[in-house]
Amino acid sequence: MPWISNRSTFSTQTFDDLMQEKDWVQFWSAREIAPLFGYVLWQNFKKLVEKAKNSIKSTWEEVTLHIIDINKTQITPTGGEIVREWYDFLLTRYACYLIAQNGDPTKKEIAMCQQYFALQTRTAEIAQKQERDKLRVQTRLDVADQTKKLNATARECGVVKFWSFTDEWYRWLYGMRYAEIKKYKNLGDDKLLDRADITELAANLFRITQTDEKLKRSWASTQKESEDIHFMIGDKVRQTIEEIGWTTPKNLPLASDHIKEVKKRLKKNEKTLSHKGDALGDTTM
């Protein structure tokens, strides 16, 4: 059977040019990309597609999410007699990746395809980590900002001993005082919220904002009244977490690195992603 395309320029740009899109789904025609993978005979490339199908099946995922069998027909320009009919496959990027992984490693084109997808995978991993780092940094900034607002509200409600006011919510949200938490989580000299991951930060952010709102709507005017409200909110948040079956803040694992290190990594990865993008633009397949 003849190829739909006889393109043989093995470049990233050519691969991207052959990409089609429908309903926000990107896909490629197997017959069009086969030459880019170094395959001239359809039967040989079709075997790779079948291997890719088996790989998808082994993960218990629906094959048709990534590979769709289709029939194509070509008719005369006047719309008359059918000239020929042949099979093709529509492939997602993941299916293309699996085909490259199952291809003949002695083919230069396959080696280049594998390099291309390896670069893409690494870039995607960095980008995903980057987004999580950004979320953690932003949530930490939100916690710091909302804490300032809560302290201002607490001051208006008669709080003068802020160490006691703060220790109250640690005692009820975590079930222990701050000094005990530091020892329990082996924090050393680090501040708890500088080592807390996103989930723990979010629990604290919710506690802070709800306490602030409750104080604003209350008649609290003394240290004791304000601490009681802080205790009640912290206790309610912990109870809610327990009731829905989530891990309480006390038992959440710390992030592997300090928030300062995350900020440094964000700056570094921004440069790395930029360089990876340049590399992908120059990579040949």
Foldseek 3Di string as FASTA:
>chain_A
DAAPAPDQFFALVLVVVQWDDDPRFIKHKQSHCVNLLVDGDPVVLVVLLVVLLVVCVVVVHDSVVFKDKDKDWDDDPVPDDTDDMDIIIIGGVVSVQSSLVPDDPVDPSSVLSPVLVVLVVVLVVLVVLLVQLVLLLVLLVLLVVLLVLLVVLVVQLADDPVQLLVQLLCCQQQVHGLVVLCVLQVVPPDHQSQFAGNVLSVLSSVLSVVLSVVSVPDNRRHNVVSSVSSNVSSNVSNVVCVVVPHDGSSPDHTHPDGSVVSVVVSVVSVVVSVVSVVVSNGRGD
